[in-house]
Protein backbone atom coordinates (compact mmCIF):
# COMPACT_ATOMS: atom_id res chain seq x y z
CA MET A 1 -9.03 -4.44 -6.77
CA LYS A 2 -9.70 -8.15 -7.12
CA ILE A 3 -13.14 -9.27 -5.98
CA LEU A 4 -13.79 -12.82 -4.66
CA ASP A 5 -17.24 -14.37 -4.58
CA GLY A 6 -17.29 -15.79 -1.00
CA GLU A 7 -20.71 -17.46 -1.46
CA ALA A 8 -19.53 -19.32 -4.57
CA LEU A 9 -16.32 -20.34 -2.79
CA HIS A 10 -18.36 -21.66 0.12
CA ARG A 11 -20.71 -23.63 -2.15
CA LYS A 12 -17.83 -25.01 -4.27
CA ALA A 13 -15.91 -26.16 -1.12
CA TRP A 14 -18.96 -27.95 0.26
CA ASP A 15 -19.71 -29.57 -3.08
CA ILE A 16 -16.13 -30.85 -3.41
CA TRP A 17 -15.82 -32.06 0.17
CA ALA A 18 -19.22 -33.88 -0.09
CA GLY A 19 -20.95 -31.43 2.24
CA LYS A 20 -22.19 -32.39 5.68
CA ALA A 21 -25.56 -31.42 7.05
CA SER A 22 -24.28 -28.54 9.12
CA VAL A 23 -21.36 -26.01 9.29
CA ASP A 24 -20.90 -27.39 12.90
CA GLU A 25 -19.88 -30.70 11.32
CA ARG A 26 -17.30 -29.11 8.95
CA ASP A 27 -14.15 -31.15 9.45
CA PHE A 28 -12.01 -29.32 6.87
CA LEU A 29 -10.46 -25.91 6.06
CA PHE A 30 -10.22 -24.49 2.62
CA ALA A 31 -8.79 -21.47 0.93
CA PRO A 32 -8.87 -20.12 -2.59
CA ASP A 33 -5.66 -20.58 -4.59
CA GLY A 34 -6.08 -18.87 -7.96
CA ASP A 35 -9.01 -20.64 -9.65
CA ALA A 36 -8.62 -23.75 -7.44
CA LEU A 37 -9.25 -24.47 -3.76
CA VAL A 38 -6.75 -25.85 -1.24
CA PHE A 39 -8.19 -28.21 1.40
CA ARG A 40 -6.93 -29.66 4.64
CA SER A 41 -8.59 -31.98 7.14
CA ARG A 42 -9.01 -30.48 10.61
CA SER A 43 -7.40 -33.71 11.95
CA GLU A 44 -4.15 -33.00 10.23
CA PRO A 45 -1.66 -31.74 12.91
CA LEU A 46 0.98 -29.08 12.54
CA PRO A 47 4.18 -30.89 11.40
CA ALA A 48 6.76 -31.17 14.23
CA THR A 49 9.38 -29.08 12.43
CA PRO A 50 10.32 -26.39 11.73
CA GLU A 51 9.64 -23.93 14.55
CA VAL A 52 9.74 -20.90 12.15
CA TRP A 53 7.19 -21.11 9.38
CA ARG A 54 6.56 -19.15 6.19
CA MET A 55 2.79 -19.11 5.80
CA ARG A 56 0.16 -17.80 3.43
CA SER A 57 -3.36 -17.01 4.58
CA LEU A 58 -6.42 -15.20 3.23
CA LEU A 59 -7.53 -13.11 6.26
CA ALA A 60 -10.49 -10.93 7.02
CA PRO A 61 -8.88 -8.11 9.08
CA VAL A 62 -11.81 -7.19 11.30
CA MET A 63 -11.95 -6.19 15.01
CA ARG A 64 -14.81 -6.44 17.44
CA CYS A 65 -15.60 -3.14 19.00
CA GLU A 66 -18.64 -2.89 21.33
CA HIS A 67 -20.48 -5.73 19.64
CA ARG A 68 -19.76 -4.45 16.16
CA GLU A 69 -17.12 -5.27 13.60
CA ARG A 70 -14.85 -2.73 12.03
CA VAL A 71 -12.33 -3.30 9.28
CA VAL A 72 -8.70 -2.91 10.35
CA LYS A 73 -7.04 0.06 8.62
CA PRO A 74 -4.01 -0.71 6.48
CA ARG A 75 -1.65 1.02 8.95
CA GLU A 76 -3.06 -1.29 11.70
CA PHE A 77 -2.70 -4.52 9.81
CA ARG A 78 0.76 -5.59 11.08
CA GLY A 79 -0.28 -5.05 14.73
CA TRP A 80 -3.59 -6.79 14.15
CA LEU A 81 -1.85 -9.80 12.52
CA ALA A 82 0.78 -9.90 15.31
CA SER A 83 -1.97 -9.94 17.96
CA LEU A 84 -4.00 -12.57 16.21
CA LEU A 85 -1.01 -14.84 15.82
CA GLU A 86 0.02 -14.36 19.47
CA ARG A 87 -3.41 -15.48 20.65
CA HIS A 88 -2.86 -18.69 18.58
CA GLY A 89 0.67 -19.64 19.74
CA TRP A 90 2.81 -17.81 17.20
CA VAL A 91 5.05 -14.73 17.10
CA LEU A 92 5.07 -12.70 13.88
CA ARG A 93 8.57 -12.33 12.43
CA SER A 94 7.95 -10.60 9.12
CA ILE A 95 5.35 -9.94 6.47
CA GLU A 96 6.33 -10.47 2.80
CA LYS A 97 3.04 -9.86 1.04
CA ILE A 98 -0.10 -7.91 1.74
CA GLU A 99 -2.67 -7.96 -1.08
CA PRO A 100 -6.00 -6.41 -0.20
CA MET A 101 -9.13 -7.70 -1.99
CA GLU A 102 -12.85 -7.59 -1.54
CA MET A 103 -15.12 -10.56 -1.02
CA THR A 104 -18.83 -10.61 -1.54
CA ILE A 105 -20.72 -12.57 1.13
CA ARG A 106 -24.31 -12.76 2.33
CA ARG A 107 -26.56 -11.01 -0.17
CA GLY A 108 -23.78 -9.08 -1.80
CA TRP A 109 -22.30 -7.49 1.32
CA ARG A 110 -18.59 -6.75 0.68
CA LEU A 111 -15.86 -7.68 3.09
CA THR A 112 -12.22 -6.55 2.87
CA VAL A 113 -9.92 -9.56 2.85
CA VAL A 114 -6.10 -9.68 2.62
CA ASP A 115 -3.99 -12.40 0.95
CA THR A 116 -0.87 -12.29 3.02
CA VAL A 117 2.45 -14.19 3.23
CA PHE A 118 4.30 -13.94 6.49
CA THR A 119 6.88 -15.66 8.67
CA ALA A 120 6.01 -16.69 12.22
CA GLN A 121 7.60 -18.67 15.00
CA VAL A 122 5.87 -21.27 17.16
CA VAL A 123 5.97 -20.23 20.85
CA ASP A 124 3.19 -22.43 22.14
CA ARG A 125 3.14 -25.75 20.25
CA GLU A 126 -0.26 -26.87 21.51
CA ASN A 127 -2.02 -23.57 20.66
CA ALA A 128 -0.22 -23.30 17.32
CA ASP A 129 -1.27 -26.83 16.44
CA GLN A 130 -4.89 -25.95 17.27
CA SER A 131 -4.72 -22.86 15.04
CA TYR A 132 -3.21 -24.92 12.20
CA ARG A 133 -6.11 -27.40 12.50
CA SER A 134 -8.85 -24.79 12.96
CA GLY A 135 -7.63 -21.69 11.22
CA ILE A 136 -7.32 -18.17 12.62
CA GLY A 137 -9.57 -15.13 12.48
CA ARG A 138 -13.10 -14.88 11.21
CA TYR A 139 -14.98 -15.87 8.08
CA LYS A 140 -13.51 -19.37 7.70
CA ALA A 141 -16.72 -20.53 6.04
CA PHE A 142 -15.71 -18.24 3.12
CA GLY A 143 -12.14 -19.56 2.78
CA CYS A 144 -10.41 -17.24 5.26
CA GLY A 145 -8.02 -18.14 8.04
CA MET A 146 -6.37 -21.36 6.83
CA LEU A 147 -2.59 -21.30 7.54
CA ILE A 148 -0.91 -22.67 4.38
CA PRO A 149 2.82 -23.49 4.73
CA GLN A 150 4.91 -22.01 1.89
CA GLY A 151 8.12 -23.55 0.57
């Protein structure tokens, strides 16, 4: 299984983007793409067309249960992704790729992440635009959650 170094990705992203003083001031999203990083300003809106998008995203499939996180089981992933997208103005149409990986974060702690390609339809333009600008899910500081349109 591929292992990503989340701390190194975080540092590299901040170094490239000319790091701000605080994560609260982070005005960009990033995601790993092979050995490179993909960036997008949080001020860049979701393009007006199309309404159905093929997207790629590195996601950390975790759920909050009684103030604790638990990793989503592989058989739960589709439902988890559908629910996550619905909360952000999208409806999941299909999933083309699910590639589980591990990411080391915070003193070597390992997190399951999934590189996924899916097709989703915009159902709430304002909410979808916000999710495009801000990302979805957790662990965005480590390169997770950025919605990357695919050709």
